[in-house]
Structures are given as structure tokens and as C-alpha cells.
Amino acid sequence: METVLDAFGTDRCMFESNFPMDKGSYSYSNGWNAMKRIAENFNQTEKDDLFWRSAARFYRLPVDAGMDSARHAKADI
């Protein structure tokens, strides 16, 4: 994961899961905690990229100009 993030940057990467299909392999909380650990040393903008902004951009979802990270993901991720 670090190699991919170094090569492409957080603005071209996003976290994903395949729940509920993957629940036979690992729990939802384990997957969520793994994502939080990967992102723990990133700044808030990079976390926003990984947790929601890159996906919104890729899928061309409408995002209000006034939206902040707290409305999409916990600020303490």
C-alpha cells in the first residue's frame, strides 16, 4: 500500500471494502482499523482523499464547495 501511495499520491488513491461479502475473511472493524492505521500519519487533506474525496472525484459525485472533512469522515481518523 505504501508503494502505491508513494507512486500515485493520495489524490489518485482511495480506500475501499467489499463488505458484506468479505465478512468471512475479516470483520468490518478489522478492515476499518487497518485503513485508519495506514492513514494515521497523513495530514487531514490526505486522509480526506483516501476516505472520500478521491472517490467523489472519480465517480463524479456532487460535492458542495463548503463541504469539509468532518461531514464525510471523522476529523480524528
C-alpha atoms as a PDB file:
ATOM      1  CA  MET A   1       0.000   0.000   0.000  1.00  0.00           C
ATOM      2  CA  GLU A   2       2.792   2.436   0.853  1.00  0.00           C
ATOM      3  CA  THR A   3       4.431   1.862  -2.533  1.00  0.00           C
ATOM      4  CA  VAL A   4       1.184   2.655  -4.347  1.00  0.00           C
ATOM      5  CA  LEU A   5       0.580   5.778  -2.258  1.00  0.00           C
ATOM      6  CA  ASP A   6       4.154   6.938  -2.871  1.00  0.00           C
ATOM      7  CA  ALA A   7       3.825   6.335  -6.615  1.00  0.00           C
ATOM      8  CA  PHE A   8       0.371   7.826  -7.196  1.00  0.00           C
ATOM      9  CA  GLY A   9      -0.319  10.093  -4.220  1.00  0.00           C
ATOM     10  CA  THR A  10      -3.428  10.190  -2.092  1.00  0.00           C
ATOM     11  CA  ASP A  11      -5.285  12.270  -4.672  1.00  0.00           C
ATOM     12  CA  ARG A  12      -5.221   9.252  -7.022  1.00  0.00           C
ATOM     13  CA  CYS A  13      -5.976   6.540  -4.434  1.00  0.00           C
ATOM     14  CA  MET A  14      -8.959   5.621  -2.276  1.00  0.00           C
ATOM     15  CA  PHE A  15      -9.842   3.111   0.398  1.00  0.00           C
ATOM     16  CA  GLU A  16     -12.460   0.512  -0.430  1.00  0.00           C
ATOM     17  CA  SER A  17     -14.031  -2.570   1.039  1.00  0.00           C
ATOM     18  CA  ASN A  18     -16.129  -5.406  -0.271  1.00  0.00           C
ATOM     19  CA  PHE A  19     -18.454  -5.688   2.689  1.00  0.00           C
ATOM     20  CA  PRO A  20     -20.571  -7.599   3.393  1.00  0.00           C
ATOM     21  CA  MET A  21     -19.082 -10.158   1.002  1.00  0.00           C
ATOM     22  CA  ASP A  22     -15.707 -10.213   2.794  1.00  0.00           C
ATOM     23  CA  LYS A  23     -17.053 -10.737   6.300  1.00  0.00           C
ATOM     24  CA  GLY A  24     -15.985 -14.385   6.109  1.00  0.00           C
ATOM     25  CA  SER A  25     -12.358 -13.235   5.805  1.00  0.00           C
ATOM     26  CA  TYR A  26     -12.201 -10.398   8.347  1.00  0.00           C
ATOM     27  CA  SER A  27     -14.534  -8.277  10.429  1.00  0.00           C
ATOM     28  CA  TYR A  28     -15.711  -4.831   9.426  1.00  0.00           C
ATOM     29  CA  SER A  29     -13.913  -3.312  12.411  1.00  0.00           C
ATOM     30  CA  ASN A  30     -10.633  -5.002  11.429  1.00  0.00           C
ATOM     31  CA  GLY A  31     -10.895  -3.599   7.916  1.00  0.00           C
ATOM     32  CA  TRP A  32     -11.792  -0.110   9.165  1.00  0.00           C
ATOM     33  CA  ASN A  33      -8.972  -0.163  11.721  1.00  0.00           C
ATOM     34  CA  ALA A  34      -6.491  -1.259   9.036  1.00  0.00           C
ATOM     35  CA  MET A  35      -7.456   1.748   6.914  1.00  0.00           C
ATOM     36  CA  LYS A  36      -7.114   4.082   9.900  1.00  0.00           C
ATOM     37  CA  ARG A  37      -3.657   2.691  10.693  1.00  0.00           C
ATOM     38  CA  ILE A  38      -2.471   3.146   7.119  1.00  0.00           C
ATOM     39  CA  ALA A  39      -3.641   6.773   7.200  1.00  0.00           C
ATOM     40  CA  GLU A  40      -2.611   7.655  10.763  1.00  0.00           C
ATOM     41  CA  ASN A  41       0.485   9.662   9.758  1.00  0.00           C
ATOM     42  CA  PHE A  42      -1.156  11.532   6.884  1.00  0.00           C
ATOM     43  CA  ASN A  43      -2.448  15.081   7.174  1.00  0.00           C
ATOM     44  CA  GLN A  44      -6.199  15.756   7.080  1.00  0.00           C
ATOM     45  CA  THR A  45      -6.247  16.565   3.353  1.00  0.00           C
ATOM     46  CA  GLU A  46      -4.554  13.247   2.525  1.00  0.00           C
ATOM     47  CA  LYS A  47      -6.980  11.379   4.796  1.00  0.00           C
ATOM     48  CA  ASP A  48      -9.897  13.107   3.097  1.00  0.00           C
ATOM     49  CA  ASP A  49      -8.514  11.976  -0.267  1.00  0.00           C
ATOM     50  CA  LEU A  50      -8.285   8.359   0.854  1.00  0.00           C
ATOM     51  CA  PHE A  51     -11.567   8.166   2.748  1.00  0.00           C
ATOM     52  CA  TRP A  52     -13.890  10.146   0.450  1.00  0.00           C
ATOM     53  CA  ARG A  53     -12.553  12.882  -1.834  1.00  0.00           C
ATOM     54  CA  SER A  54     -10.838  10.654  -4.441  1.00  0.00           C
ATOM     55  CA  ALA A  55     -13.977   8.510  -4.710  1.00  0.00           C
ATOM     56  CA  ALA A  56     -16.219  11.572  -5.054  1.00  0.00           C
ATOM     57  CA  ARG A  57     -13.976  12.908  -7.803  1.00  0.00           C
ATOM     58  CA  PHE A  58     -13.702   9.552  -9.637  1.00  0.00           C
ATOM     59  CA  TYR A  59     -17.438   8.839  -9.534  1.00  0.00           C
ATOM     60  CA  ARG A  60     -18.226  12.496 -10.267  1.00  0.00           C
ATOM     61  CA  LEU A  61     -20.389  12.832  -7.187  1.00  0.00           C
ATOM     62  CA  PRO A  62     -21.655  16.307  -6.420  1.00  0.00           C
ATOM     63  CA  VAL A  63     -19.687  17.891  -3.596  1.00  0.00           C
ATOM     64  CA  ASP A  64     -20.712  21.271  -2.262  1.00  0.00           C
ATOM     65  CA  ALA A  65     -17.903  23.800  -2.193  1.00  0.00           C
ATOM     66  CA  GLY A  66     -18.487  24.320   1.527  1.00  0.00           C
ATOM     67  CA  MET A  67     -18.167  20.660   2.482  1.00  0.00           C
ATOM     68  CA  ASP A  68     -15.465  19.872   4.983  1.00  0.00           C
ATOM     69  CA  SER A  69     -13.887  16.620   6.086  1.00  0.00           C
ATOM     70  CA  ALA A  70     -15.971  16.381   9.254  1.00  0.00           C
ATOM     71  CA  ARG A  71     -19.107  15.879   7.168  1.00  0.00           C
ATOM     72  CA  HIS A  72     -17.594  12.866   5.398  1.00  0.00           C
ATOM     73  CA  ALA A  73     -15.216  11.237   7.831  1.00  0.00           C
ATOM     74  CA  LYS A  74     -14.280  11.745  11.423  1.00  0.00           C
ATOM     75  CA  ALA A  75     -11.726  14.506  11.776  1.00  0.00           C
ATOM     76  CA  ASP A  76      -9.721  12.274  14.097  1.00  0.00           C
ATOM     77  CA  ILE A  77      -9.284   9.395  11.644  1.00  0.00           C
END
